[in-house]
C-alpha atoms as a PDB file:
ATOM      1  CA  MET A   1     -17.050  24.531   6.808  1.00  0.00           C
ATOM      2  CA  ALA A   2     -15.253  21.934   8.999  1.00  0.00           C
ATOM      3  CA  LYS A   3     -16.544  18.412   9.385  1.00  0.00           C
ATOM      4  CA  THR A   4     -16.724  16.826  12.831  1.00  0.00           C
ATOM      5  CA  SER A   5     -14.407  13.996  11.652  1.00  0.00           C
ATOM      6  CA  GLU A   6     -11.729  16.669  11.002  1.00  0.00           C
ATOM      7  CA  MET A   7     -12.060  17.956  14.560  1.00  0.00           C
ATOM      8  CA  ARG A   8     -11.016  14.651  16.183  1.00  0.00           C
ATOM      9  CA  GLU A   9      -7.273  14.559  16.601  1.00  0.00           C
ATOM     10  CA  SER A  10      -5.590  11.184  16.429  1.00  0.00           C
ATOM     11  CA  LYS A  11      -2.046  10.000  16.944  1.00  0.00           C
ATOM     12  CA  PHE A  12      -2.705   7.272  14.362  1.00  0.00           C
ATOM     13  CA  LEU A  13      -3.735   7.159  10.706  1.00  0.00           C
ATOM     14  CA  LYS A  14      -7.478   7.173  10.044  1.00  0.00           C
ATOM     15  CA  GLN A  15      -9.466   6.730   6.848  1.00  0.00           C
ATOM     16  CA  SER A  16      -9.625  10.435   6.047  1.00  0.00           C
ATOM     17  CA  ASP A  17      -5.831  10.604   6.110  1.00  0.00           C
ATOM     18  CA  VAL A  18      -5.475   8.174   3.198  1.00  0.00           C
ATOM     19  CA  GLY A  19      -8.641   8.686   1.137  1.00  0.00           C
ATOM     20  CA  ARG A  20      -8.598   6.805  -2.172  1.00  0.00           C
ATOM     21  CA  GLY A  21      -4.939   5.982  -1.913  1.00  0.00           C
ATOM     22  CA  VAL A  22      -1.590   7.083  -0.578  1.00  0.00           C
ATOM     23  CA  LEU A  23       1.769   5.541  -1.431  1.00  0.00           C
ATOM     24  CA  GLY A  24       3.968   4.979   1.618  1.00  0.00           C
ATOM     25  CA  THR A  25       7.482   3.662   2.213  1.00  0.00           C
ATOM     26  CA  VAL A  26       7.734   1.518   5.364  1.00  0.00           C
ATOM     27  CA  GLU A  27      10.053   3.214   7.908  1.00  0.00           C
ATOM     28  CA  SER A  28       9.521   0.824  10.840  1.00  0.00           C
ATOM     29  CA  VAL A  29       7.243  -1.648  12.560  1.00  0.00           C
ATOM     30  CA  SER A  30       7.011  -1.274  16.335  1.00  0.00           C
ATOM     31  CA  GLN A  31       4.599  -1.382  19.260  1.00  0.00           C
ATOM     32  CA  HIS A  32       2.750   1.756  20.421  1.00  0.00           C
ATOM     33  CA  ASN A  33       0.402   2.414  23.260  1.00  0.00           C
ATOM     34  CA  VAL A  34      -2.992   2.922  21.586  1.00  0.00           C
ATOM     35  CA  ALA A  35      -5.043   3.460  24.771  1.00  0.00           C
ATOM     36  CA  LYS A  36      -7.002   6.655  25.230  1.00  0.00           C
ATOM     37  CA  GLU A  37      -5.513   9.205  27.575  1.00  0.00           C
ATOM     38  CA  GLY A  38      -5.906   8.121  31.201  1.00  0.00           C
ATOM     39  CA  ALA A  39      -6.677   4.469  30.355  1.00  0.00           C
ATOM     40  CA  ASP A  40      -4.425   1.497  30.981  1.00  0.00           C
ATOM     41  CA  HIS A  41      -1.730   0.858  28.401  1.00  0.00           C
ATOM     42  CA  GLU A  42      -2.822  -1.117  25.373  1.00  0.00           C
ATOM     43  CA  MET A  43       0.117  -2.008  23.167  1.00  0.00           C
ATOM     44  CA  LYS A  44      -0.479  -2.741  19.471  1.00  0.00           C
ATOM     45  CA  TRP A  45       1.840  -3.228  16.464  1.00  0.00           C
ATOM     46  CA  CYS A  46       2.036  -0.173  14.193  1.00  0.00           C
ATOM     47  CA  MET A  47       3.706   0.625  10.897  1.00  0.00           C
ATOM     48  CA  SER A  48       5.369   3.979  10.357  1.00  0.00           C
ATOM     49  CA  PHE A  49       5.995   5.542   6.961  1.00  0.00           C
ATOM     50  CA  HIS A  50       8.590   8.026   5.709  1.00  0.00           C
ATOM     51  CA  GLU A  51       5.922  10.110   3.991  1.00  0.00           C
ATOM     52  CA  MET A  52       3.420  10.335   6.888  1.00  0.00           C
ATOM     53  CA  ASP A  53       3.533  11.815  10.415  1.00  0.00           C
ATOM     54  CA  LYS A  54       1.282   9.197  11.997  1.00  0.00           C
ATOM     55  CA  PRO A  55       1.668   5.445  12.144  1.00  0.00           C
ATOM     56  CA  LEU A  56      -0.914   2.857  11.065  1.00  0.00           C
ATOM     57  CA  VAL A  57      -2.225   0.534  13.766  1.00  0.00           C
ATOM     58  CA  LEU A  58      -1.948  -2.960  12.261  1.00  0.00           C
ATOM     59  CA  ASN A  59      -4.890  -5.273  12.618  1.00  0.00           C
ATOM     60  CA  PHE A  60      -4.721  -8.990  11.848  1.00  0.00           C
ATOM     61  CA  THR A  61      -6.006  -8.603   8.251  1.00  0.00           C
ATOM     62  CA  ASN A  62      -3.482  -5.886   7.406  1.00  0.00           C
ATOM     63  CA  ILE A  63      -0.654  -7.939   8.926  1.00  0.00           C
ATOM     64  CA  GLN A  64      -1.639 -10.839   6.645  1.00  0.00           C
ATOM     65  CA  LEU A  65      -1.820  -8.501   3.667  1.00  0.00           C
ATOM     66  CA  CYS A  66       1.685  -7.177   4.431  1.00  0.00           C
ATOM     67  CA  GLU A  67       3.057 -10.747   4.604  1.00  0.00           C
ATOM     68  CA  LYS A  68       1.624 -11.376   1.116  1.00  0.00           C
ATOM     69  CA  ILE A  69       2.595  -8.017  -0.383  1.00  0.00           C
ATOM     70  CA  PHE A  70       6.170  -8.077   0.969  1.00  0.00           C
ATOM     71  CA  GLY A  71       6.640 -11.835   0.624  1.00  0.00           C
ATOM     72  CA  SER A  72       7.843 -12.265   4.209  1.00  0.00           C
ATOM     73  CA  ASP A  73       6.577 -12.684   7.749  1.00  0.00           C
ATOM     74  CA  ASP A  74       9.736 -10.929   9.087  1.00  0.00           C
ATOM     75  CA  THR A  75       8.908  -7.221   9.583  1.00  0.00           C
ATOM     76  CA  ASP A  76      12.578  -6.330   9.096  1.00  0.00           C
ATOM     77  CA  ASP A  77      12.058  -7.293   5.437  1.00  0.00           C
ATOM     78  CA  TRP A  78       9.181  -4.827   5.186  1.00  0.00           C
ATOM     79  CA  VAL A  79      11.341  -1.755   5.934  1.00  0.00           C
ATOM     80  CA  GLY A  80      12.034   0.265   2.793  1.00  0.00           C
ATOM     81  CA  GLN A  81       9.203  -1.435   0.892  1.00  0.00           C
ATOM     82  CA  ARG A  82       6.374   0.603  -0.664  1.00  0.00           C
ATOM     83  CA  VAL A  83       2.670  -0.014  -0.153  1.00  0.00           C
ATOM     84  CA  VAL A  84      -0.609   1.755  -1.002  1.00  0.00           C
ATOM     85  CA  LEU A  85      -2.896   2.637   1.937  1.00  0.00           C
ATOM     86  CA  TYR A  86      -6.529   3.311   1.077  1.00  0.00           C
ATOM     87  CA  ALA A  87      -9.893   3.752   2.788  1.00  0.00           C
ATOM     88  CA  ASP A  88     -12.066   0.652   2.359  1.00  0.00           C
ATOM     89  CA  PRO A  89     -15.764   1.134   3.278  1.00  0.00           C
ATOM     90  CA  ASN A  90     -16.224  -2.690   3.577  1.00  0.00           C
ATOM     91  CA  VAL A  91     -14.088  -3.147   6.733  1.00  0.00           C
ATOM     92  CA  SER A  92     -16.184  -4.416   9.626  1.00  0.00           C
ATOM     93  CA  PHE A  93     -15.594  -4.205  13.393  1.00  0.00           C
ATOM     94  CA  GLN A  94     -17.649  -6.175  15.929  1.00  0.00           C
ATOM     95  CA  GLY A  95     -20.041  -7.240  13.190  1.00  0.00           C
ATOM     96  CA  LYS A  96     -20.715  -3.715  11.846  1.00  0.00           C
ATOM     97  CA  LEU A  97     -19.409  -2.092   8.667  1.00  0.00           C
ATOM     98  CA  VAL A  98     -17.395   0.821   9.845  1.00  0.00           C
ATOM     99  CA  GLY A  99     -14.817   1.212   7.108  1.00  0.00           C
ATOM    100  CA  GLY A 100     -11.087   1.210   7.705  1.00  0.00           C
ATOM    101  CA  ILE A 101      -7.655   1.359   6.133  1.00  0.00           C
ATOM    102  CA  ARG A 102      -6.450  -1.458   3.918  1.00  0.00           C
ATOM    103  CA  LEU A 103      -3.198  -2.077   2.114  1.00  0.00           C
ATOM    104  CA  ARG A 104      -2.321  -3.246  -1.388  1.00  0.00           C
ATOM    105  CA  ALA A 105       0.822  -3.581  -3.471  1.00  0.00           C
ATOM    106  CA  PRO A 106       1.588  -0.573  -5.710  1.00  0.00           C
ATOM    107  CA  LYS A 107       0.738  -1.080  -9.353  1.00  0.00           C
ATOM    108  CA  ALA A 108       3.787  -1.900 -11.407  1.00  0.00           C
ATOM    109  CA  THR A 109       4.885   0.928 -13.662  1.00  0.00           C
ATOM    110  CA  ALA A 110       4.099  -0.074 -17.167  1.00  0.00           C
ATOM    111  CA  LEU A 111       7.148  -0.392 -19.359  1.00  0.00           C
ATOM    112  CA  PRO A 112       6.878   0.635 -23.005  1.00  0.00           C
ATOM    113  CA  PRO A 113       6.548  -2.303 -25.341  1.00  0.00           C
ATOM    114  CA  LYS A 114       9.731  -3.590 -26.865  1.00  0.00           C
ATOM    115  CA  PRO A 115      10.048  -2.627 -30.512  1.00  0.00           C
ATOM    116  CA  LYS A 116       9.587  -5.505 -32.907  1.00  0.00           C
ATOM    117  CA  PRO A 117      12.718  -6.354 -34.832  1.00  0.00           C
ATOM    118  CA  GLU A 118      12.698  -5.390 -38.478  1.00  0.00           C
ATOM    119  CA  PRO A 119      12.323  -8.428 -40.722  1.00  0.00           C
ATOM    120  CA  GLU A 120      15.384  -9.230 -42.701  1.00  0.00           C
ATOM    121  CA  ILE A 121      14.790  -8.767 -46.404  1.00  0.00           C
ATOM    122  CA  GLU A 122      16.970 -10.702 -48.787  1.00  0.00           C
ATOM    123  CA  PRO A 123      17.900  -8.843 -51.895  1.00  0.00           C
ATOM    124  CA  LEU A 124      16.280 -10.093 -55.094  1.00  0.00           C
ATOM    125  CA  THR A 125      18.366 -11.835 -57.719  1.00  0.00           C
ATOM    126  CA  ASP A 126      17.724 -12.177 -61.418  1.00  0.00           C
ATOM    127  CA  GLU A 127      16.345 -15.653 -60.818  1.00  0.00           C
ATOM    128  CA  ASP A 128      13.648 -14.314 -58.509  1.00  0.00           C
ATOM    129  CA  ILE A 129      12.169 -12.099 -61.260  1.00  0.00           C
ATOM    130  CA  PRO A 130       9.718 -14.052 -63.397  1.00  0.00           C
ATOM    131  CA  PHE A 131      10.072 -12.091 -66.661  1.00  0.00           C
END
């Protein structure tokens, strides 16, 4: 059976689109009109991803997270970088917990441990043998 949250179409990413985590590669950062149909234009910065059809509307917290994750406040440096988008139930809006999308750096792929070098064994001489 369909849930009502699945019936609401949106031009932008919402929590149900990312669930527990989706890896995305930044395609661009640009302004979009986020106003509802028939309302005055309301331009907001959005981030688009190669893997997703809809952009993410960037709020102040997510902009700060991107600066930290990507190590730059220049959005041109963000293009081509990878980030994990996930639904966070602890996001508040106007003083109420409503949940929202947050970003984090992808976990580094663990490399296999380097093999330990074999200890060098010196051959025994007759003087090393006590009998």
